Amino acid sequence: MNNFFDLHVHINPDIIPRKYTSYSLSNELQDTSCGVVLKSHIYNTVGLANCMREQGYKIYGSLVLNKYTGGLNINTVKSTIKSSYKHEPFILHFPTFSYKYWTINMEKKLSKTSENVIPLESISYKGHLKKNVIDIIKFACYYNIPLSSGHSNKNEIILLCEEVEKNHGTLLLTHPFHPLIGFNIKELNMILNSSSNIYIEITLLMLLTGKQSLKNLYKVLSTCNNNKICISSDLGQIHNMSISKGYSWFNNELSSYFKNVNYSNVLFNKLCWLNPIKYLGI
């Protein structure tokens, strides 16, 4: 299997059970050159990733600015930067619990617990980014921390692109083709062509669950700037395949579609390795 650097992996503990712990994940990566970024909706994974990296694994962390982790609080960002191992990068995600429609399925899983309503955190108010969001963007860009749009809506993502570009930062658009966000290829092309450090993320989970078709993916690959596209897994669910099997599946799909094995391998390496590490800044 070709190498990959996965920007989007879920592990336990979490609101819903996950396939991996940090140690079972590290066992899967052992004897490979693969790397991952740990993501949790409810806690900061940077400290955990620090410990795993000290043991020689290419495991990095992230901070999702949901209310569970302190919300849109610049002091949380500052403390995470100061405590990051050797000041190496982590991904700073804007909230994923931002609107009710993103939390419905998770709240069903919480229905038998004492907390069955997930607190929401929006980045905008009346069509403008909140002041604390702008402050966080400026601070993160100054320290070269790569940003992610989280589960922001389309209008908010456009505002994020403008503000991050203004501050010479780096931004990853999470799930841009998800039905709840709904960018089309033309709109994303305009963003990619007018921005120097904006990337888009396409996840294996979206492809495996049918929220984005392989046909749409191939159209994206043929019309958008391949240097700005990152393939992540968003895997870690108990019922789904392992991360390694997910990337093997994706590599086989590319080979089947493009026929030319050399070309598909080069494309896989760009989408799954070179672009992600360029975005992360390592």
Protein backbone atom coordinates (compact mmCIF):
# COMPACT_ATOMS: atom_id res chain seq x y z
CA MET A 1 0.00 0.00 0.00
CA ASN A 2 1.24 3.50 -0.82
CA ASN A 3 2.01 5.93 2.00
CA PHE A 4 -0.66 8.31 3.25
CA PHE A 5 -0.90 11.20 5.69
CA ASP A 6 -4.43 11.28 7.07
CA LEU A 7 -5.58 14.68 8.34
CA HIS A 8 -8.84 13.40 9.85
CA VAL A 9 -8.95 10.35 12.16
CA HIS A 10 -11.34 9.78 15.08
CA ILE A 11 -10.31 7.78 18.15
CA ASN A 12 -11.66 6.94 21.61
CA PRO A 13 -12.69 8.44 23.91
CA ASP A 14 -15.50 10.20 22.05
CA ILE A 15 -19.22 10.87 22.22
CA ILE A 16 -19.78 7.77 20.12
CA PRO A 17 -17.60 4.61 20.31
CA ARG A 18 -14.62 4.52 17.96
CA LYS A 19 -12.59 1.72 16.41
CA TYR A 20 -9.23 3.01 17.66
CA THR A 21 -7.37 4.12 20.71
CA SER A 22 -4.17 6.08 20.16
CA TYR A 23 -2.19 2.90 20.81
CA SER A 24 -4.18 0.59 18.52
CA LEU A 25 -3.87 3.23 15.83
CA SER A 26 -0.11 3.45 16.37
CA ASN A 27 0.09 -0.34 16.03
CA GLU A 28 -1.61 -0.10 12.64
CA LEU A 29 0.88 2.55 11.53
CA GLN A 30 3.89 0.66 12.85
CA ASP A 31 6.48 -0.28 10.22
CA THR A 32 5.00 2.25 7.75
CA SER A 33 5.84 5.85 6.90
CA CYS A 34 2.19 6.85 7.26
CA GLY A 35 1.07 9.72 9.47
CA VAL A 36 -2.23 10.90 10.92
CA VAL A 37 -3.88 13.83 12.66
CA LEU A 38 -6.17 12.94 15.56
CA LYS A 39 -9.52 14.71 15.66
CA SER A 40 -12.12 14.82 18.42
CA HIS A 41 -15.29 16.87 18.65
CA ILE A 42 -15.06 17.04 22.45
CA TYR A 43 -11.42 17.35 23.52
CA ASN A 44 -8.04 18.72 22.50
CA THR A 45 -5.89 15.93 21.00
CA VAL A 46 -2.63 17.90 20.82
CA GLY A 47 -1.28 16.66 24.17
CA LEU A 48 -2.07 13.04 23.34
CA ALA A 49 -0.38 13.42 19.96
CA ASN A 50 2.67 14.93 21.66
CA CYS A 51 3.08 11.75 23.71
CA MET A 52 2.75 9.51 20.64
CA ARG A 53 5.25 11.58 18.64
CA GLU A 54 7.79 11.30 21.44
CA GLN A 55 7.58 7.55 20.87
CA GLY A 56 8.44 8.00 17.20
CA TYR A 57 5.01 7.92 15.57
CA LYS A 58 3.88 10.46 12.97
CA ILE A 59 0.79 11.33 14.97
CA TYR A 60 -0.26 14.98 15.21
CA GLY A 61 -3.10 16.66 17.05
CA SER A 62 -5.91 19.11 16.51
CA LEU A 63 -8.17 21.42 18.45
CA VAL A 64 -11.84 21.74 17.52
CA LEU A 65 -13.29 24.96 18.91
CA ASN A 66 -16.55 23.43 20.12
CA LYS A 67 -17.96 24.52 23.47
CA TYR A 68 -16.69 21.27 24.98
CA THR A 69 -13.10 22.49 24.49
CA GLY A 70 -13.73 26.11 25.51
CA GLY A 71 -15.43 27.35 22.36
CA LEU A 72 -14.25 30.34 20.38
CA ASN A 73 -11.74 31.31 23.05
CA ILE A 74 -8.39 32.68 21.92
CA ASN A 75 -6.79 31.74 25.24
CA THR A 76 -7.44 28.06 24.48
CA VAL A 77 -5.62 28.54 21.18
CA LYS A 78 -2.74 30.34 22.86
CA SER A 79 -2.27 27.63 25.49
CA THR A 80 -2.33 24.91 22.84
CA ILE A 81 0.34 26.66 20.79
CA LYS A 82 2.56 27.07 23.87
CA SER A 83 2.20 23.43 24.88
CA SER A 84 2.64 21.92 21.40
CA TYR A 85 5.59 19.52 21.23
CA LYS A 86 8.64 21.38 19.89
CA HIS A 87 6.18 23.96 18.53
CA GLU A 88 5.16 21.57 15.76
CA PRO A 89 1.90 22.32 13.95
CA PHE A 90 -1.58 21.13 14.78
CA ILE A 91 -4.87 21.73 12.99
CA LEU A 92 -7.18 24.36 14.44
CA HIS A 93 -10.76 23.50 13.47
CA PHE A 94 -13.62 25.94 13.71
CA PRO A 95 -16.68 24.42 15.42
CA THR A 96 -18.13 21.15 14.17
CA PHE A 97 -21.15 21.43 16.48
CA SER A 98 -22.23 24.65 14.85
CA TYR A 99 -25.83 24.04 13.80
CA LYS A 100 -28.58 21.67 14.89
CA TYR A 101 -28.53 19.64 11.67
CA TRP A 102 -24.91 18.57 12.29
CA THR A 103 -25.74 17.09 15.71
CA ILE A 104 -29.03 15.22 15.18
CA ASN A 105 -27.47 11.76 14.74
CA MET A 106 -25.12 12.21 17.69
CA GLU A 107 -27.92 13.44 19.94
CA LYS A 108 -29.84 10.25 19.17
CA LYS A 109 -26.87 8.29 20.51
CA LEU A 110 -26.87 10.47 23.64
CA SER A 111 -30.62 10.05 24.27
CA LYS A 112 -30.03 7.56 27.11
CA THR A 113 -27.44 9.68 28.89
CA SER A 114 -27.83 12.63 31.25
CA GLU A 115 -26.67 15.02 28.52
CA ASN A 116 -28.74 14.61 25.39
CA VAL A 117 -28.40 18.08 23.86
CA ILE A 118 -25.07 19.07 22.31
CA PRO A 119 -24.12 22.73 22.87
CA LEU A 120 -23.76 24.63 19.61
CA GLU A 121 -21.19 27.28 18.61
CA SER A 122 -21.59 29.42 15.48
CA ILE A 123 -18.79 31.51 13.99
CA SER A 124 -20.98 34.23 12.50
CA TYR A 125 -23.70 36.66 13.48
CA LYS A 126 -25.97 38.46 11.04
CA GLY A 127 -23.82 37.59 8.04
CA HIS A 128 -20.46 38.59 9.55
CA LEU A 129 -17.72 36.67 11.33
CA LYS A 130 -17.76 37.24 15.07
CA LYS A 131 -14.98 39.44 16.42
CA ASN A 132 -13.45 36.60 18.45
CA VAL A 133 -13.33 34.47 15.29
CA ILE A 134 -11.41 37.20 13.46
CA ASP A 135 -9.04 37.53 16.42
CA ILE A 136 -8.43 33.75 16.41
CA ILE A 137 -7.74 33.80 12.66
CA LYS A 138 -5.21 36.63 13.00
CA PHE A 139 -3.46 34.90 15.89
CA ALA A 140 -3.36 31.48 14.20
CA CYS A 141 -2.10 32.93 10.93
CA TYR A 142 0.66 34.84 12.76
CA TYR A 143 1.89 31.54 14.25
CA ASN A 144 1.40 29.59 10.99
CA ILE A 145 -1.25 27.30 12.48
CA PRO A 146 -3.29 25.66 9.68
CA LEU A 147 -7.02 26.28 10.01
CA SER A 148 -10.02 24.17 9.07
CA SER A 149 -13.55 25.39 8.37
CA GLY A 150 -15.17 22.76 10.61
CA HIS A 151 -18.87 22.41 9.89
CA SER A 152 -19.43 26.03 8.93
CA ASN A 153 -22.06 26.76 6.31
CA LYS A 154 -21.27 27.89 2.77
CA ASN A 155 -21.61 31.63 3.45
CA GLU A 156 -19.41 31.35 6.54
CA ILE A 157 -16.76 29.43 4.62
CA ILE A 158 -16.59 32.19 2.03
CA LEU A 159 -16.08 34.71 4.86
CA LEU A 160 -13.38 32.47 6.37
CA CYS A 161 -11.58 32.25 3.03
CA GLU A 162 -11.53 36.02 2.71
CA GLU A 163 -10.27 36.59 6.26
CA VAL A 164 -7.62 33.85 6.16
CA GLU A 165 -6.38 35.03 2.78
CA LYS A 166 -6.18 38.59 4.10
CA ASN A 167 -3.97 37.36 6.95
CA HIS A 168 -1.79 35.13 4.71
CA GLY A 169 -2.90 31.94 6.46
CA THR A 170 -3.79 28.40 5.43
CA LEU A 171 -7.32 27.01 5.41
CA LEU A 172 -8.78 23.57 4.70
CA LEU A 173 -12.41 23.45 3.57
CA THR A 174 -13.93 20.46 5.37
CA HIS A 175 -16.61 18.42 3.55
CA PRO A 176 -17.28 21.14 0.92
CA PHE A 177 -19.45 18.77 -1.16
CA HIS A 178 -21.49 17.53 1.81
CA PRO A 179 -25.23 18.12 1.17
CA LEU A 180 -25.41 20.33 4.29
CA ILE A 181 -22.72 22.66 2.85
CA GLY A 182 -23.32 22.21 -0.84
CA PHE A 183 -20.50 23.81 -2.80
CA ASN A 184 -20.39 22.91 -6.46
CA ILE A 185 -17.25 22.42 -8.52
CA LYS A 186 -17.47 25.82 -10.21
CA GLU A 187 -17.70 27.63 -6.87
CA LEU A 188 -14.73 25.74 -5.43
CA ASN A 189 -12.67 26.37 -8.55
CA MET A 190 -13.23 30.09 -8.11
CA ILE A 191 -12.02 29.87 -4.50
CA LEU A 192 -8.96 27.75 -5.34
CA ASN A 193 -7.98 29.94 -8.30
CA SER A 194 -8.25 33.17 -6.34
CA SER A 195 -6.54 31.98 -3.15
CA SER A 196 -2.95 31.00 -2.52
CA ASN A 197 -3.31 28.74 0.53
CA ILE A 198 -6.85 27.39 0.48
CA TYR A 199 -7.21 23.59 0.29
CA ILE A 200 -10.27 21.37 0.01
CA GLU A 201 -10.75 18.11 1.86
CA ILE A 202 -12.47 15.08 0.36
CA THR A 203 -12.96 12.21 2.78
CA LEU A 204 -13.12 8.48 2.22
CA LEU A 205 -16.12 8.40 4.55
CA MET A 206 -18.08 10.71 2.23
CA LEU A 207 -17.25 8.42 -0.71
CA LEU A 208 -18.02 5.22 1.19
CA THR A 209 -21.38 6.51 2.47
CA GLY A 210 -22.44 7.96 -0.88
CA LYS A 211 -22.60 11.59 0.28
CA GLN A 212 -20.12 12.22 -2.55
CA SER A 213 -19.92 9.96 -5.57
CA LEU A 214 -16.74 8.67 -7.17
CA LYS A 215 -18.03 10.15 -10.43
CA ASN A 216 -18.12 13.59 -8.80
CA LEU A 217 -14.65 13.02 -7.36
CA TYR A 218 -13.16 12.21 -10.77
CA LYS A 219 -14.78 15.34 -12.17
CA VAL A 220 -13.22 17.36 -9.35
CA LEU A 221 -9.82 15.82 -10.02
CA SER A 222 -10.04 16.65 -13.71
CA THR A 223 -11.23 20.25 -13.29
CA CYS A 224 -9.77 21.54 -10.00
CA ASN A 225 -6.20 22.24 -8.95
CA ASN A 226 -4.89 18.85 -7.74
CA ASN A 227 -2.22 20.62 -5.72
CA LYS A 228 -4.96 21.96 -3.43
CA ILE A 229 -6.93 18.75 -2.81
CA CYS A 230 -6.35 16.57 0.26
CA ILE A 231 -7.83 13.12 0.69
CA SER A 232 -8.53 12.33 4.34
CA SER A 233 -10.30 9.32 5.79
CA ASP A 234 -12.66 10.68 8.50
CA LEU A 235 -12.67 7.03 9.59
CA GLY A 236 -12.56 5.50 13.04
CA GLN A 237 -16.18 4.40 13.24
CA ILE A 238 -16.58 0.89 14.66
CA HIS A 239 -18.64 -0.40 11.74
CA ASN A 240 -16.39 1.01 8.99
CA MET A 241 -13.16 -0.37 7.55
CA SER A 242 -9.76 0.44 9.02
CA ILE A 243 -7.86 3.49 7.83
CA SER A 244 -5.27 1.36 6.02
CA LYS A 245 -7.96 -0.62 4.22
CA GLY A 246 -9.74 2.62 3.34
CA TYR A 247 -6.69 4.03 1.59
CA SER A 248 -6.05 0.70 -0.15
CA TRP A 249 -9.65 0.78 -1.40
CA PHE A 250 -9.17 4.33 -2.67
CA ASN A 251 -5.90 3.45 -4.40
CA ASN A 252 -7.62 0.53 -6.17
CA GLU A 253 -10.46 2.80 -7.28
CA LEU A 254 -8.00 5.29 -8.77
CA SER A 255 -6.14 2.51 -10.57
CA SER A 256 -9.38 1.08 -11.98
CA TYR A 257 -10.57 4.45 -13.24
CA PHE A 258 -7.36 5.85 -14.71
CA LYS A 259 -6.04 2.48 -15.95
CA ASN A 260 -2.47 3.84 -16.02
CA VAL A 261 -0.98 2.46 -12.79
CA ASN A 262 1.97 4.87 -12.78
CA TYR A 263 -0.32 7.89 -13.16
CA SER A 264 -2.74 6.69 -10.47
CA ASN A 265 0.15 6.07 -8.06
CA VAL A 266 1.52 9.57 -8.66
CA LEU A 267 -1.96 11.03 -8.15
CA PHE A 268 -2.51 8.99 -4.97
CA ASN A 269 0.81 10.20 -3.58
CA LYS A 270 -0.10 13.82 -4.29
CA LEU A 271 -3.63 13.68 -2.86
CA CYS A 272 -2.91 11.47 0.13
CA TRP A 273 0.67 12.40 1.09
CA LEU A 274 2.24 15.49 -0.51
CA ASN A 275 -0.75 17.85 -0.31
CA PRO A 276 -1.69 16.96 3.30
CA ILE A 277 1.84 17.46 4.64
CA LYS A 278 2.15 20.70 2.68
CA TYR A 279 -1.11 21.95 4.20
CA LEU A 280 -0.03 20.88 7.72
CA GLY A 281 3.35 22.51 7.24
CA ILE A 282 5.70 19.68 8.14
